[in-house]
């Protein structure tokens, strides 16, 4: 389930409910989808690599054909390299952390808890927007770092 980036339109009449529905909920779904995609890719590639690695000695001991263990070894190396280039584990953790941070902030604001408890509605809204946008910006900066690592790996 791919959730495409939504163009966010600022509305001067916006309130917490509208902001939560249009910006926070959308990004929670988007980060959950990205996290699940990266998690699944990471787990499947690593599980496949482990199984194929374990199969190599079996094929060598069967002494059927040296081509099979060679191909399997090549696939294992390709899978390991695939993870090293795209950093699915790091991206999974990053997206999941961001999703949880957004969810937490939304719950705190909606329940008037923690730092939202003694604020006026306008101050609460301003704090929520500032915090949520900061969380999203932090995720984007982390993603740039990971993608930069991908580019450096590609150039080697």
Protein backbone atom coordinates (compact mmCIF):
# COMPACT_ATOMS: atom_id res chain seq x y z
CA UNK A 1 0.00 0.00 0.00
CA UNK A 2 1.84 3.08 -1.22
CA UNK A 3 0.73 6.35 0.30
CA UNK A 4 1.71 9.17 -2.02
CA UNK A 5 2.90 12.48 -0.69
CA UNK A 6 0.00 14.82 -0.16
CA UNK A 7 0.36 18.48 -1.06
CA UNK A 8 -0.50 20.22 2.16
CA UNK A 9 -2.43 23.47 1.86
CA UNK A 10 -2.17 25.81 4.81
CA UNK A 11 -5.50 27.30 5.82
CA UNK A 12 -5.42 30.36 8.11
CA UNK A 13 -8.67 29.08 9.64
CA UNK A 14 -7.10 25.72 10.43
CA UNK A 15 -7.57 24.26 13.89
CA UNK A 16 -6.10 21.30 15.71
CA UNK A 17 -8.71 18.86 14.42
CA UNK A 18 -8.21 19.81 10.77
CA UNK A 19 -4.42 19.82 11.14
CA UNK A 20 -4.50 16.43 12.85
CA UNK A 21 -6.71 14.97 10.10
CA UNK A 22 -4.90 16.46 7.13
CA UNK A 23 -1.27 16.52 8.21
CA UNK A 24 -0.65 14.24 11.16
CA UNK A 25 -2.93 11.31 10.28
CA UNK A 26 -1.76 11.35 6.66
CA UNK A 27 1.90 11.25 7.70
CA UNK A 28 1.28 8.53 10.27
CA UNK A 29 -0.19 6.36 7.50
CA UNK A 30 2.61 7.27 5.11
CA UNK A 31 5.38 6.49 7.58
CA UNK A 32 3.66 3.24 8.59
CA UNK A 33 3.52 2.15 4.93
CA UNK A 34 7.18 3.08 4.37
CA UNK A 35 8.21 1.35 7.58
CA UNK A 36 6.37 -1.84 6.66
CA UNK A 37 7.87 -1.87 3.16
CA UNK A 38 11.39 -1.43 4.50
CA UNK A 39 10.83 -3.97 7.30
CA UNK A 40 9.45 -6.58 4.92
CA UNK A 41 12.25 -6.04 2.41
CA UNK A 42 14.89 -6.22 5.15
CA UNK A 43 13.45 -9.37 6.72
CA UNK A 44 12.82 -11.19 3.43
CA UNK A 45 16.23 -10.42 1.96
CA UNK A 46 18.02 -11.41 5.16
CA UNK A 47 15.98 -14.57 5.65
CA UNK A 48 16.56 -15.54 2.02
CA UNK A 49 20.29 -14.85 2.42
CA UNK A 50 20.48 -17.02 5.55
CA UNK A 51 18.65 -19.91 3.92
CA UNK A 52 20.76 -19.70 0.77
CA UNK A 53 23.96 -19.48 2.83
CA UNK A 54 22.97 -22.63 4.69
CA UNK A 55 22.26 -24.39 1.39
CA UNK A 56 25.74 -23.82 -0.06
CA UNK A 57 27.52 -26.51 2.03
CA UNK A 58 24.70 -28.93 1.28
CA UNK A 59 25.16 -28.50 -2.46
CA UNK A 60 28.94 -28.75 -2.10
CA UNK A 61 28.63 -32.03 -0.16
CA UNK A 62 26.13 -33.45 -2.65
CA UNK A 63 28.89 -33.13 -5.24
CA UNK A 64 26.32 -32.82 -8.03
CA UNK A 65 27.51 -29.75 -9.81
CA UNK A 66 29.77 -26.89 -8.75
CA UNK A 67 27.55 -24.45 -10.59
CA UNK A 68 24.75 -24.55 -7.96
CA UNK A 69 26.83 -23.46 -4.96
CA UNK A 70 28.47 -20.80 -7.11
CA UNK A 71 25.12 -19.34 -8.18
CA UNK A 72 23.76 -19.53 -4.64
CA UNK A 73 26.88 -17.83 -3.26
CA UNK A 74 26.48 -15.09 -5.86
CA UNK A 75 22.85 -14.57 -4.80
CA UNK A 76 23.87 -14.32 -1.14
CA UNK A 77 26.47 -11.68 -1.96
CA UNK A 78 23.90 -9.80 -4.05
CA UNK A 79 21.37 -9.83 -1.19
CA UNK A 80 23.93 -8.61 1.35
CA UNK A 81 25.03 -5.86 -1.02
CA UNK A 82 21.41 -4.90 -1.67
CA UNK A 83 20.93 -4.27 2.07
CA UNK A 84 24.24 -2.40 2.36
CA UNK A 85 23.28 -0.07 -0.47
CA UNK A 86 19.66 0.65 0.48
CA UNK A 87 19.86 0.39 4.30
CA UNK A 88 16.37 -1.05 4.70
CA UNK A 89 16.91 -1.77 8.40
CA UNK A 90 17.93 1.82 9.15
CA UNK A 91 15.09 3.25 7.11
CA UNK A 92 12.59 0.89 8.76
CA UNK A 93 13.67 2.05 12.23
CA UNK A 94 13.68 5.69 11.16
CA UNK A 95 10.17 5.57 9.68
CA UNK A 96 8.77 3.59 12.61
CA UNK A 97 10.27 6.03 15.12
CA UNK A 98 8.81 8.98 13.23
CA UNK A 99 5.38 7.35 13.03
CA UNK A 100 5.38 6.70 16.77
CA UNK A 101 6.57 10.23 17.58
CA UNK A 102 3.76 11.72 15.46
CA UNK A 103 1.18 9.42 17.04
CA UNK A 104 2.42 10.30 20.55
CA UNK A 105 2.31 14.03 19.88
CA UNK A 106 -1.19 13.79 18.44
CA UNK A 107 -2.41 11.87 21.51
CA UNK A 108 -0.80 14.34 23.90
CA UNK A 109 -2.45 17.28 22.14
CA UNK A 110 -5.86 15.61 21.84
CA UNK A 111 -5.91 14.64 25.51
CA UNK A 112 -4.45 17.93 26.81
CA UNK A 113 -1.61 16.01 28.42
CA UNK A 114 1.99 16.83 29.30
CA UNK A 115 3.13 20.15 27.81
CA UNK A 116 -0.33 20.84 26.30
CA UNK A 117 -2.22 20.76 29.59
CA UNK A 118 -2.16 24.43 30.57
CA UNK A 119 -2.13 26.11 27.18
CA UNK A 120 -4.81 28.08 25.39
CA UNK A 121 -6.20 26.53 22.21
CA UNK A 122 -4.12 28.85 20.05
CA UNK A 123 -0.90 28.12 21.96
CA UNK A 124 -1.68 24.41 21.92
CA UNK A 125 -2.18 24.52 18.15
CA UNK A 126 1.05 26.46 17.61
CA UNK A 127 3.03 24.06 19.80
CA UNK A 128 1.54 21.03 18.04
CA UNK A 129 2.37 22.38 14.58
CA UNK A 130 5.90 23.32 15.61
CA UNK A 131 6.52 19.92 17.19
CA UNK A 132 5.02 17.89 14.34
CA UNK A 133 6.88 19.84 11.68
CA UNK A 134 10.09 19.40 13.68
CA UNK A 135 9.53 15.62 13.82
CA UNK A 136 8.93 15.49 10.05
CA UNK A 137 12.01 17.65 9.38
CA UNK A 138 14.16 15.42 11.60
CA UNK A 139 12.99 12.35 9.65
CA UNK A 140 13.80 14.03 6.35
CA UNK A 141 17.28 14.93 7.55
CA UNK A 142 17.85 11.34 8.70
CA UNK A 143 16.63 10.04 5.35
CA UNK A 144 19.05 12.35 3.53
CA UNK A 145 21.90 10.99 5.65
CA UNK A 146 20.92 7.39 4.81
CA UNK A 147 20.49 8.18 1.12
CA UNK A 148 23.83 9.97 1.06
CA UNK A 149 25.38 6.81 2.46
CA UNK A 150 23.67 4.94 -0.40
CA UNK A 151 25.25 7.28 -2.94
CA UNK A 152 28.71 6.94 -1.38
CA UNK A 153 28.33 3.15 -1.48
CA UNK A 154 27.26 3.32 -5.14
CA UNK A 155 30.32 5.38 -6.14
CA UNK A 156 32.82 2.92 -4.63
